[in-house]
Structure formats: C-alpha cells, structure tokens
Amino acid sequence: MSRPRLVVHGHFYQPSRLDPATGTVPPDPTAAPARDWNTRIAADCYRPNAELGNYGRISWDLGPTLAGWLEEGDPVAYRGFVEGDGGRHGMAQPFHHSILPLSTLADRRTEIRWGLRDFEWRFGRRPTGVWLPETAVDLETLGLLVDEGVTNTIVAPWQLAGRGLDTRRPYRVDVGGGRSIVVLAYDAGLSTSVSFEIEATSDADRFARERIVPRLSEPMEDDDAATPFALIATDGELYGHHQPYRDLFLQRLVGPADLGFDVSTLADVVAEAGPNARPAAIVERSSWSCHHGVARWETACGCVDDGAWKAPLRAAFDRLAEAIDTRTDEIARALPGAPDPWPTTPHVGFTRWYGRIEGNFHCGVVDRGERRPADQGFARQRHRLLAGGDDCVPDLRRCVQQAACRRLLVRRHYSRDSGSWIQVQPGIDLRLPAGSI
C-alpha cells in the first residue's frame, strides 16, 4: 500500500464589494488601517500565501468576482494563483455566490458556464472540478456539472448518504442517464480543528503528528489495500486573515518536510479513483454551512432566532428576476428577426461582462445598429444574476431600489425620516437613494 496522503483545499472567496453604480470598491473605515476590506484581506492572506508559494502545493478555488478584483487590486496575489495552478491545483466556482439549488435551471446553467469560462480564460485550461457555493447541492445541480464536463466536487460528510461511508476515500454519485460525478467529502474533525482551534494550528509539526497521522492510520473497513487520504477544506482566508500567521502554518504543513504522509492534490485523487470509486448518494438540498441545508437561505432556519424575513425577501427578488426576464424577451422580440436571447445569454453575457467584444457583435445574433437595446437587456441580466448571490446584500438593496423606481416591484411609496421609502413586500421596506424619484 502507498503512503497515506493529505490534501488541503482552500475556498477563496469574498463577497462583491463593488458599488454597482460606479464599479469600484468604496473606502470602508471599518477596514482600517487598510482602505477597504478587499485590500486588507489581500494583504493579510492572498499576497502572503502567493509569496510563500502555497497555491502551488494545495488545492483551491478562487471566486471569479474576487479574481477580477485581484487582477488589478493585488497583481502579486493574482499571479500567485495563476502560476500556482500548474494545471492541477485550481477548481472553478460558479460565477456568482448563488445557492444553486434555489436558482432556476437556466440561472444554474448560466452561473456554471460563466464560472467555467472565467477559469478557462484566467488559467488557460478547462477545469475538471467545481466548488459549489456553500457546497449547496442537489442531484439536478450535479447533473448540470456533468453536462459541462465537470468530473468532481467537494461536499461535507453529512451531505453524503450510504452505508459505511469513510471520508478517506472518494465516492461516485449517479446523476442519471448513465452519468456520474466523483464526490469528495472533507474530514470534519481535521477541518474543524484547522478552522476553529487556534492552539491546534500554532505548530504544523505537532498538528501533523497528533491529528493527521493518527487519522490516516485508522483502519479502513472492507478494503485494507486502499490508500487513505485526508481532505482538509476550509475558507482560504483562514490562512493569514482569520488567523494571523497561519499562512506559515500552511507552508510548513504542505512543504517538502516529511511529516509522515505525502501531500497530494484533488486531481490526483480523482484520477486514481477512476470509474471504480464506490457508490454513494447525495443528500438533497444540503450544504456545508448549515445542517438545515438550503433552508438557511429561503426560510426560517432553526439556527437563528428570527428568520421570518427570508422568504418574503427571496420572493421579492424572484419577482424582480421575472420582471427582468420579461423585459429581456420584449427587447429580443423588437429586434430584427426576433432572436432568442436565452441560448446566447450564458456566452454573450460573459463576453459582455468583460467588454471583450470583437468582430461580430453578440456572435452574429445582433448587428452593430442594434447594440444599445441588446446591451441594455444583457446588462439587466448581468445585474440580476449578481443580485442572486446569497451574500451581496448591498447590491441586492440597490437592485431592488432601482427596480422599484421603475415600478417593477413597488407596492407602496411613502416618506419617513426626511427620506423616500418603498414597500416591495409586506414587512420589507427599503429607503431609496437621494434623487431616485
């Protein structure tokens, strides 16, 4: 049997802090001494890990919106990811941090395609793995990943169902139609220790000796010949931002020193598993961040005292999305030939996001004379998808405000505290920007 292996995965993501009106990150006094939180977290975490070469030793995923900011906001950190990928270290993310099981089928497909396309453009290869936001998953979402050529993803242990499951081996989930995907569950004990036990990660050698090696040494049921691996998956910002100096802990843990195991990548583990990975089932609509699954983002979840506001707020944004989709159809029907906007949206919308339009506009669907109305339609779709992110509250508020000003959602308009307010759902009132009405 080969030596046991360790895989460390960092989930690198920050909510979009761009002002949707200006496209820039505004100053934030709470991030002092840095100008804003993007800059501060980059200085604490992204850049130090790049300078230490950690991105070339661990597995990671990098949110597309964060990557877009790093490209100009911290080029050293950005180059660290690009150079560290090496054709095997990086995983993709859907473009926005949307809880995909709560999204429409079309939106899920668009988010996945945009995320894959963004990764391909930045790293020069088609990714084989995708990290789902909050690892929120259902069978339909896994099927969409497989349709796009994705071979693997990561979940929490409680998101897999089956007999005798052991997180030290990969599993294969059948998504129907003769298709399947490899699913790797992270080690809950080790990942929790790294995330929340500050003392445990003060010494990498001791952590390896007292935590990792004993875990890898435990016998595996029914398969003595299998080579066990341990997957530690945490927020990437842990290494230097959430916990100072843990970038150095990570460097030592995955460095060249022999700590009693080999350091590997998810790509290697998946490749070795091949078609012989044992079968397992997925727990529908589950996530890594809450045992109540996706209920955390749609209803009154038991983890909080008052979650009654979630359902009406989500309903408000669903109404906004429907209104924008209707307007998109109207714009398309008014164009010569009445082109169908939906097959082109995942590709064209992505291209337009970056402004890389060359040659035939919108892949020949729309000619030069019709750019403005088509641009307006795709811009609405882009902002609608951004609003679907579960943590983009400032952008969500502004999108609702702007939509409400156009009478898409307004139930009631009134004045209070020398300001203008609207009601978009019973119990959900938003203050309008000055001059918006």
Protein backbone atom coordinates (compact mmCIF):
# COMPACT_ATOMS: atom_id res chain seq x y z
CA MET A 1 0.00 0.00 0.00
CA SER A 2 1.24 3.51 -0.83
CA ARG A 3 1.83 6.11 1.85
CA PRO A 4 -1.30 7.91 3.08
CA ARG A 5 -1.92 11.32 1.59
CA LEU A 6 -3.05 14.74 2.72
CA VAL A 7 -4.99 17.17 0.54
CA VAL A 8 -5.55 20.73 1.79
CA HIS A 9 -8.22 22.73 0.00
CA GLY A 10 -8.71 26.48 0.40
CA HIS A 11 -12.02 28.06 -0.60
CA PHE A 12 -11.01 31.62 -1.54
CA TYR A 13 -13.93 33.95 -1.88
CA GLN A 14 -15.09 37.38 -0.76
CA PRO A 15 -18.48 38.98 -1.35
CA SER A 16 -18.55 41.54 -4.11
CA ARG A 17 -17.94 44.93 -2.53
CA LEU A 18 -18.21 46.83 -5.80
CA ASP A 19 -20.59 49.75 -5.84
CA PRO A 20 -22.92 48.73 -8.70
CA ALA A 21 -23.25 52.38 -9.74
CA THR A 22 -19.51 53.04 -10.10
CA GLY A 23 -18.00 49.57 -10.49
CA THR A 24 -15.37 50.35 -7.84
CA VAL A 25 -14.87 49.35 -4.21
CA PRO A 26 -15.63 52.36 -1.98
CA PRO A 27 -13.49 53.16 1.09
CA ASP A 28 -14.59 51.40 4.28
CA PRO A 29 -13.45 52.87 7.62
CA THR A 30 -14.10 49.55 9.39
CA ALA A 31 -11.21 48.01 7.42
CA ALA A 32 -8.62 50.41 8.91
CA PRO A 33 -5.70 50.66 8.60
CA ALA A 34 -6.46 49.43 5.06
CA ARG A 35 -8.59 51.41 2.62
CA ASP A 36 -11.21 48.66 2.32
CA TRP A 37 -11.71 45.02 3.22
CA ASN A 38 -10.59 43.68 -0.16
CA THR A 39 -7.25 45.43 0.28
CA ARG A 40 -6.89 44.35 3.88
CA ILE A 41 -7.66 40.67 3.29
CA ALA A 42 -5.35 40.62 0.28
CA ALA A 43 -2.53 41.99 2.46
CA ASP A 44 -3.29 39.55 5.29
CA CYS A 45 -3.86 36.42 3.23
CA TYR A 46 -3.85 36.36 -0.57
CA ARG A 47 -0.48 38.04 -1.13
CA PRO A 48 1.48 36.29 1.69
CA ASN A 49 0.31 32.87 0.53
CA ALA A 50 1.31 33.78 -3.02
CA GLU A 51 4.76 34.89 -1.88
CA LEU A 52 5.20 31.63 0.07
CA GLY A 53 4.23 29.53 -2.95
CA ASN A 54 1.33 27.87 -1.14
CA TYR A 55 -1.01 27.99 -4.14
CA GLY A 56 1.27 25.54 -5.91
CA ARG A 57 1.02 22.99 -3.09
CA ILE A 58 -2.65 22.97 -2.08
CA SER A 59 -5.96 22.56 -3.85
CA TRP A 60 -8.04 25.73 -4.11
CA ASP A 61 -10.92 27.50 -5.76
CA LEU A 62 -10.96 31.24 -6.45
CA GLY A 63 -14.24 33.13 -6.83
CA PRO A 64 -14.47 34.80 -10.25
CA THR A 65 -15.57 38.15 -8.83
CA LEU A 66 -12.67 38.07 -6.35
CA ALA A 67 -10.26 37.07 -9.13
CA GLY A 68 -11.48 40.04 -11.15
CA TRP A 69 -10.65 42.39 -8.29
CA LEU A 70 -7.27 40.77 -7.55
CA GLU A 71 -6.18 41.11 -11.16
CA GLU A 72 -5.82 44.85 -10.70
CA GLY A 73 -6.19 45.27 -6.94
CA ASP A 74 -3.30 42.96 -5.98
CA PRO A 75 -1.37 41.66 -9.01
CA VAL A 76 1.14 39.77 -6.83
CA ALA A 77 -1.62 37.71 -5.25
CA TYR A 78 -3.31 37.22 -8.61
CA ARG A 79 -0.11 35.96 -10.26
CA GLY A 80 0.35 33.61 -7.31
CA PHE A 81 -2.89 31.86 -8.18
CA VAL A 82 -2.21 31.80 -11.92
CA GLU A 83 1.32 30.45 -11.54
CA GLY A 84 0.34 28.11 -8.71
CA ASP A 85 -2.36 26.31 -10.68
CA GLY A 86 0.09 24.23 -12.65
CA GLY A 87 -2.72 22.51 -14.50
CA ARG A 88 -3.91 20.63 -11.41
CA HIS A 89 -4.33 22.75 -8.28
CA GLY A 90 -7.30 25.01 -9.06
CA MET A 91 -11.05 24.32 -9.11
CA ALA A 92 -13.69 26.58 -10.61
CA GLN A 93 -16.64 28.25 -8.90
CA PRO A 94 -19.97 29.31 -10.35
CA PHE A 95 -19.62 32.94 -11.37
CA HIS A 96 -21.64 34.41 -8.51
CA HIS A 97 -22.07 33.09 -4.99
CA SER A 98 -25.60 31.85 -5.66
CA ILE A 99 -27.22 28.97 -3.79
CA LEU A 100 -27.77 26.91 -6.91
CA PRO A 101 -30.50 24.53 -5.65
CA LEU A 102 -32.63 27.65 -5.08
CA SER A 103 -31.97 29.06 -8.56
CA THR A 104 -33.86 28.35 -11.76
CA LEU A 105 -32.47 25.74 -14.11
CA ALA A 106 -31.47 28.45 -16.61
CA ASP A 107 -29.70 30.51 -13.93
CA ARG A 108 -27.84 27.47 -12.63
CA ARG A 109 -26.62 26.63 -16.09
CA THR A 110 -25.54 30.21 -16.70
CA GLU A 111 -23.67 30.50 -13.38
CA ILE A 112 -21.83 27.24 -14.01
CA ARG A 113 -20.93 28.11 -17.59
CA TRP A 114 -19.73 31.59 -16.69
CA GLY A 115 -17.63 30.18 -13.84
CA LEU A 116 -16.03 27.57 -16.10
CA ARG A 117 -15.41 30.12 -18.82
CA ASP A 118 -13.86 32.56 -16.36
CA PHE A 119 -11.50 29.86 -15.05
CA GLU A 120 -10.56 28.82 -18.57
CA TRP A 121 -9.79 32.39 -19.56
CA ARG A 122 -7.67 33.09 -16.46
CA PHE A 123 -5.79 29.80 -16.13
CA GLY A 124 -5.63 28.61 -19.71
CA ARG A 125 -7.35 25.26 -19.22
CA ARG A 126 -10.76 23.73 -18.78
CA PRO A 127 -11.28 22.90 -15.08
CA THR A 128 -12.29 19.40 -14.06
CA GLY A 129 -13.62 20.31 -10.60
CA VAL A 130 -16.11 22.88 -9.29
CA TRP A 131 -16.66 24.13 -5.75
CA LEU A 132 -20.35 24.90 -5.31
CA PRO A 133 -21.19 27.98 -3.17
CA GLU A 134 -21.69 26.82 0.44
CA THR A 135 -21.35 23.32 -1.15
CA ALA A 136 -25.13 23.64 -1.55
CA VAL A 137 -26.14 20.76 -3.79
CA ASP A 138 -28.89 18.63 -5.22
CA LEU A 139 -28.90 15.94 -7.87
CA GLU A 140 -30.05 18.27 -10.61
CA THR A 141 -27.13 20.65 -9.97
CA LEU A 142 -24.67 17.76 -10.08
CA GLY A 143 -26.18 16.72 -13.40
CA LEU A 144 -25.59 20.20 -14.81
CA LEU A 145 -21.94 19.99 -13.73
CA VAL A 146 -21.54 16.67 -15.52
CA ASP A 147 -23.18 18.12 -18.64
CA GLU A 148 -20.41 20.73 -18.74
CA GLY A 149 -17.62 18.15 -18.42
CA VAL A 150 -17.00 18.55 -14.66
CA THR A 151 -15.77 15.35 -13.03
CA ASN A 152 -15.64 16.17 -9.31
CA THR A 153 -16.76 18.40 -6.46
CA ILE A 154 -16.35 18.69 -2.66
CA VAL A 155 -19.05 18.28 -0.01
CA ALA A 156 -19.36 18.00 3.76
CA PRO A 157 -19.54 14.47 5.23
CA TRP A 158 -23.22 14.90 6.16
CA GLN A 159 -24.06 15.63 2.53
CA LEU A 160 -23.36 12.03 1.51
CA ALA A 161 -25.70 9.13 2.22
CA GLY A 162 -24.85 5.45 2.22
CA ARG A 163 -23.63 2.59 4.35
CA GLY A 164 -20.13 2.53 5.83
CA LEU A 165 -19.04 5.84 4.31
CA ASP A 166 -15.44 6.86 5.02
CA THR A 167 -14.27 10.35 4.08
CA ARG A 168 -10.79 8.97 3.42
CA ARG A 169 -11.90 7.64 0.04
CA PRO A 170 -13.71 9.28 -2.91
CA TYR A 171 -17.23 8.26 -3.94
CA ARG A 172 -19.16 8.28 -7.17
CA VAL A 173 -22.69 9.70 -7.31
CA ASP A 174 -25.04 8.58 -10.09
CA VAL A 175 -26.84 11.58 -11.59
CA GLY A 176 -28.96 9.59 -14.04
CA GLY A 177 -28.74 8.75 -17.71
CA GLY A 178 -25.61 6.68 -17.23
CA ARG A 179 -23.73 9.72 -15.92
CA SER A 180 -21.87 10.16 -12.64
CA ILE A 181 -19.56 12.51 -10.75
CA VAL A 182 -16.83 11.91 -8.17
CA VAL A 183 -17.66 13.49 -4.82
CA LEU A 184 -15.05 14.01 -2.11
CA ALA A 185 -16.12 14.66 1.46
CA TYR A 186 -13.73 16.64 3.63
CA ASP A 187 -12.61 15.36 7.02
CA ALA A 188 -14.88 17.14 9.50
CA GLY A 189 -12.63 16.70 12.53
CA LEU A 190 -9.44 17.93 10.91
CA SER A 191 -11.17 20.76 9.05
CA THR A 192 -12.92 21.96 12.18
CA SER A 193 -9.67 21.89 14.13
CA VAL A 194 -7.90 23.98 11.49
CA SER A 195 -10.79 26.44 11.33
CA PHE A 196 -11.60 26.99 14.98
CA GLU A 197 -8.91 25.62 17.29
CA ILE A 198 -6.30 28.36 17.33
CA GLU A 199 -3.91 26.41 19.54
CA ALA A 200 -4.09 23.35 17.30
CA THR A 201 -2.61 25.22 14.33
CA SER A 202 0.17 27.01 16.20
CA ASP A 203 2.60 24.21 15.31
CA ALA A 204 2.31 22.37 11.98
CA ASP A 205 4.60 19.51 13.02
CA ARG A 206 2.58 18.84 16.13
CA PHE A 207 -0.71 19.08 14.23
CA ALA A 208 0.58 16.53 11.74
CA ARG A 209 1.88 14.22 14.47
CA GLU A 210 -1.11 14.44 16.82
CA ARG A 211 -4.03 14.93 14.42
CA ILE A 212 -3.32 13.95 10.82
CA VAL A 213 -1.14 10.86 11.16
CA PRO A 214 -3.46 9.16 13.71
CA ARG A 215 -6.44 9.85 11.46
CA LEU A 216 -4.70 8.39 8.42
CA SER A 217 -3.57 5.38 10.44
CA GLU A 218 -7.07 4.26 11.39
CA PRO A 219 -8.03 1.04 9.55
CA MET A 220 -10.38 1.31 6.58
CA GLU A 221 -13.30 -1.08 6.60
CA ASP A 222 -13.51 -3.78 3.91
CA ASP A 223 -10.55 -2.51 1.93
CA ASP A 224 -7.14 -2.98 3.53
CA ALA A 225 -5.43 -2.32 0.18
CA ALA A 226 -6.90 1.17 -0.24
CA THR A 227 -4.63 4.16 0.20
CA PRO A 228 -6.35 6.57 2.59
CA PHE A 229 -6.28 10.33 2.13
CA ALA A 230 -7.43 13.12 4.39
CA LEU A 231 -9.05 16.20 2.88
CA ILE A 232 -8.92 19.40 4.93
CA ALA A 233 -11.27 22.00 3.45
CA THR A 234 -11.71 25.47 4.95
CA ASP A 235 -12.19 29.06 3.92
CA GLY A 236 -8.91 30.11 2.34
CA GLU A 237 -8.95 33.42 4.22
CA LEU A 238 -8.26 31.41 7.37
CA TYR A 239 -4.58 31.26 6.38
CA GLY A 240 -3.43 34.70 7.43
CA HIS A 241 -6.58 36.79 7.78
CA HIS A 242 -8.94 34.99 10.13
CA GLN A 243 -5.93 33.59 11.97
CA PRO A 244 -2.65 35.54 11.75
CA TYR A 245 0.48 33.64 10.70
CA ARG A 246 -1.46 30.58 9.57
CA ASP A 247 -0.02 31.16 6.12
CA LEU A 248 3.26 29.99 7.69
CA PHE A 249 1.47 27.03 9.28
CA LEU A 250 0.17 26.07 5.85
CA GLN A 251 3.59 26.46 4.24
CA ARG A 252 5.11 24.04 6.73
CA LEU A 253 2.22 21.56 6.60
CA VAL A 254 2.33 21.12 2.82
CA GLY A 255 6.04 21.81 2.37
CA PRO A 256 8.85 19.41 1.48
CA ALA A 257 9.45 18.17 5.05
CA ASP A 258 8.38 14.55 5.70
CA LEU A 259 5.62 14.76 8.31
CA GLY A 260 4.51 11.16 7.91
CA PHE A 261 2.35 11.43 4.76
CA ASP A 262 2.51 12.56 1.16
CA VAL A 263 0.93 15.85 0.09
CA SER A 264 -1.32 15.37 -2.92
CA THR A 265 -3.95 17.18 -4.99
CA LEU A 266 -7.63 16.51 -5.57
CA ALA A 267 -6.88 15.98 -9.25
CA ASP A 268 -4.55 13.10 -8.41
CA VAL A 269 -7.04 11.50 -6.00
CA VAL A 270 -9.86 11.73 -8.54
CA ALA A 271 -7.69 10.36 -11.36
CA GLU A 272 -6.64 7.38 -9.28
CA ALA A 273 -10.21 6.64 -8.22
CA GLY A 274 -11.31 6.40 -11.83
CA PRO A 275 -14.55 4.53 -12.52
CA ASN A 276 -14.02 2.22 -9.56
CA ALA A 277 -14.93 4.71 -6.84
CA ARG A 278 -17.57 3.30 -4.52
CA PRO A 279 -21.16 4.48 -5.00
CA ALA A 280 -22.89 6.91 -2.66
CA ALA A 281 -25.95 9.13 -2.74
CA ILE A 282 -26.21 12.86 -2.21
CA VAL A 283 -28.40 14.40 0.47
CA GLU A 284 -30.74 16.63 -1.50
CA ARG A 285 -30.63 20.41 -0.91
CA SER A 286 -27.86 20.15 1.68
CA SER A 287 -24.89 22.44 2.39
CA TRP A 288 -21.69 22.61 4.42
CA SER A 289 -22.61 25.70 6.42
CA CYS A 290 -25.91 24.57 7.95
CA HIS A 291 -27.42 21.20 8.81
CA HIS A 292 -30.78 22.63 7.76
CA GLY A 293 -29.48 22.69 4.19
CA VAL A 294 -30.62 25.39 1.80
CA ALA A 295 -33.42 26.34 4.18
CA ARG A 296 -30.84 28.71 5.64
CA TRP A 297 -31.32 30.96 2.59
CA GLU A 298 -35.03 30.65 1.96
CA THR A 299 -36.97 30.35 5.20
CA ALA A 300 -36.87 30.49 8.99
CA CYS A 301 -33.92 28.19 9.72
CA GLY A 302 -33.51 26.87 13.24
CA CYS A 303 -30.00 28.31 13.52
CA VAL A 304 -31.30 31.85 14.06
CA ASP A 305 -33.94 33.31 16.34
CA ASP A 306 -35.77 35.24 13.63
CA GLY A 307 -35.59 34.13 10.02
CA ALA A 308 -39.12 35.02 9.03
CA TRP A 309 -37.86 37.81 6.78
CA LYS A 310 -36.02 35.44 4.43
CA ALA A 311 -38.97 34.02 2.50
CA PRO A 312 -40.59 37.38 1.58
CA LEU A 313 -37.22 38.89 0.67
CA ARG A 314 -36.40 35.99 -1.63
CA ALA A 315 -39.89 36.26 -3.12
CA ALA A 316 -39.24 39.95 -3.84
CA PHE A 317 -36.08 39.17 -5.76
CA ASP A 318 -37.77 36.33 -7.61
CA ARG A 319 -40.41 38.84 -8.74
CA LEU A 320 -37.65 41.21 -9.82
CA ALA A 321 -35.95 38.43 -11.80
CA GLU A 322 -39.20 37.54 -13.54
CA ALA A 323 -39.77 41.18 -14.48
CA ILE A 324 -36.26 41.50 -15.93
CA ASP A 325 -36.68 38.25 -17.87
CA THR A 326 -39.94 39.56 -19.31
CA ARG A 327 -38.25 42.79 -20.38
CA THR A 328 -35.39 40.81 -21.94
CA ASP A 329 -37.90 38.90 -24.05
CA GLU A 330 -39.55 42.16 -25.11
CA ILE A 331 -36.21 43.62 -26.22
CA ALA A 332 -35.36 40.50 -28.19
CA ARG A 333 -38.74 40.39 -29.94
CA ALA A 334 -38.31 44.03 -31.02
CA LEU A 335 -35.02 43.25 -32.80
CA PRO A 336 -34.97 42.24 -36.49
CA GLY A 337 -35.54 38.51 -36.73
CA ALA A 338 -36.67 38.36 -33.08
CA PRO A 339 -33.58 36.38 -31.94
CA ASP A 340 -33.95 34.10 -28.93
CA PRO A 341 -31.86 35.71 -26.13
CA TRP A 342 -31.64 32.69 -23.86
CA PRO A 343 -29.32 30.30 -25.75
CA THR A 344 -26.82 33.14 -26.17
CA THR A 345 -27.02 34.62 -22.69
CA PRO A 346 -24.50 32.33 -20.93
CA HIS A 347 -21.90 33.00 -23.63
CA VAL A 348 -22.68 36.55 -24.68
CA GLY A 349 -23.39 37.81 -21.19
CA PHE A 350 -19.99 36.60 -20.06
CA THR A 351 -18.26 38.20 -23.01
CA ARG A 352 -20.05 41.48 -22.43
CA TRP A 353 -19.19 41.37 -18.69
CA TYR A 354 -15.53 41.76 -19.59
CA GLY A 355 -16.07 44.05 -22.54
CA ARG A 356 -14.19 41.75 -24.90
CA ILE A 357 -16.38 42.25 -27.95
CA GLU A 358 -14.50 41.83 -31.23
CA GLY A 359 -15.73 41.18 -34.75
CA ASN A 360 -19.35 40.13 -34.98
CA PHE A 361 -21.34 41.58 -32.14
CA HIS A 362 -23.02 39.01 -29.88
CA CYS A 363 -21.79 36.12 -32.04
CA GLY A 364 -23.67 37.45 -35.06
CA VAL A 365 -27.07 37.47 -33.33
CA VAL A 366 -27.21 41.26 -33.10
CA ASP A 367 -25.59 43.62 -35.61
CA ARG A 368 -23.93 46.95 -34.93
CA GLY A 369 -27.06 49.06 -35.34
CA GLU A 370 -28.90 47.20 -32.60
CA ARG A 371 -26.23 47.23 -29.93
CA ARG A 372 -27.79 49.65 -27.49
CA PRO A 373 -31.08 47.83 -26.75
CA ALA A 374 -29.33 44.46 -26.70
CA ASP A 375 -26.68 45.84 -24.35
CA GLN A 376 -29.39 47.11 -22.02
CA GLY A 377 -31.02 43.69 -21.95
CA PHE A 378 -27.81 41.85 -21.18
CA ALA A 379 -26.81 44.44 -18.59
CA ARG A 380 -30.08 43.82 -16.78
CA GLN A 381 -29.44 40.09 -16.88
CA ARG A 382 -25.93 40.56 -15.53
CA HIS A 383 -27.13 42.61 -12.58
CA ARG A 384 -30.00 40.20 -11.99
CA LEU A 385 -27.55 37.31 -11.65
CA LEU A 386 -25.37 39.38 -9.34
CA ALA A 387 -28.40 40.04 -7.17
CA GLY A 388 -28.92 36.29 -6.87
CA GLY A 389 -25.74 35.93 -4.82
CA ASP A 390 -26.61 34.98 -1.27
CA ASP A 391 -24.24 37.49 0.35
CA CYS A 392 -24.44 40.53 -1.95
CA VAL A 393 -26.79 42.45 0.33
CA PRO A 394 -25.66 46.00 -0.65
CA ASP A 395 -26.02 45.13 -4.34
CA LEU A 396 -29.36 43.44 -3.70
CA ARG A 397 -30.68 46.52 -1.96
CA ARG A 398 -29.60 48.78 -4.79
CA CYS A 399 -31.06 46.46 -7.44
CA VAL A 400 -34.41 46.45 -5.66
CA GLN A 401 -34.28 50.21 -5.23
CA GLN A 402 -33.57 50.77 -8.90
CA ALA A 403 -36.19 48.26 -9.99
CA ALA A 404 -38.74 49.76 -7.63
CA CYS A 405 -38.09 53.22 -9.05
CA ARG A 406 -39.16 51.74 -12.39
CA ARG A 407 -42.36 50.38 -10.82
CA LEU A 408 -41.33 46.73 -11.16
CA LEU A 409 -41.95 45.90 -7.53
CA VAL A 410 -43.47 48.88 -5.77
CA ARG A 411 -46.40 48.13 -3.51
CA ARG A 412 -46.34 51.43 -1.63
CA HIS A 413 -44.29 54.64 -1.69
CA TYR A 414 -44.14 56.93 1.32
CA SER A 415 -41.96 59.48 3.16
CA ARG A 416 -40.33 58.91 6.53
CA ASP A 417 -37.40 60.49 8.38
CA SER A 418 -36.93 63.06 5.59
CA GLY A 419 -36.44 60.29 3.05
CA SER A 420 -38.33 58.35 0.41
CA TRP A 421 -39.21 54.71 1.11
CA ILE A 422 -40.88 51.89 -0.82
CA GLN A 423 -42.52 48.67 0.26
CA VAL A 424 -41.66 45.72 -2.02
CA GLN A 425 -43.26 43.02 0.13
CA PRO A 426 -45.24 43.17 3.36
CA GLY A 427 -42.68 43.80 6.07
CA ILE A 428 -39.85 44.67 3.65
CA ASP A 429 -39.29 48.41 3.29
CA LEU A 430 -36.27 49.98 1.59
CA ARG A 431 -35.02 53.54 1.64
CA LEU A 432 -34.45 55.00 -1.82
CA PRO A 433 -31.25 56.78 -2.84
CA ALA A 434 -31.48 60.56 -2.92
CA GLY A 435 -32.79 61.79 -6.24
CA SER A 436 -34.03 58.38 -7.42
CA ILE A 437 -37.62 59.58 -7.65
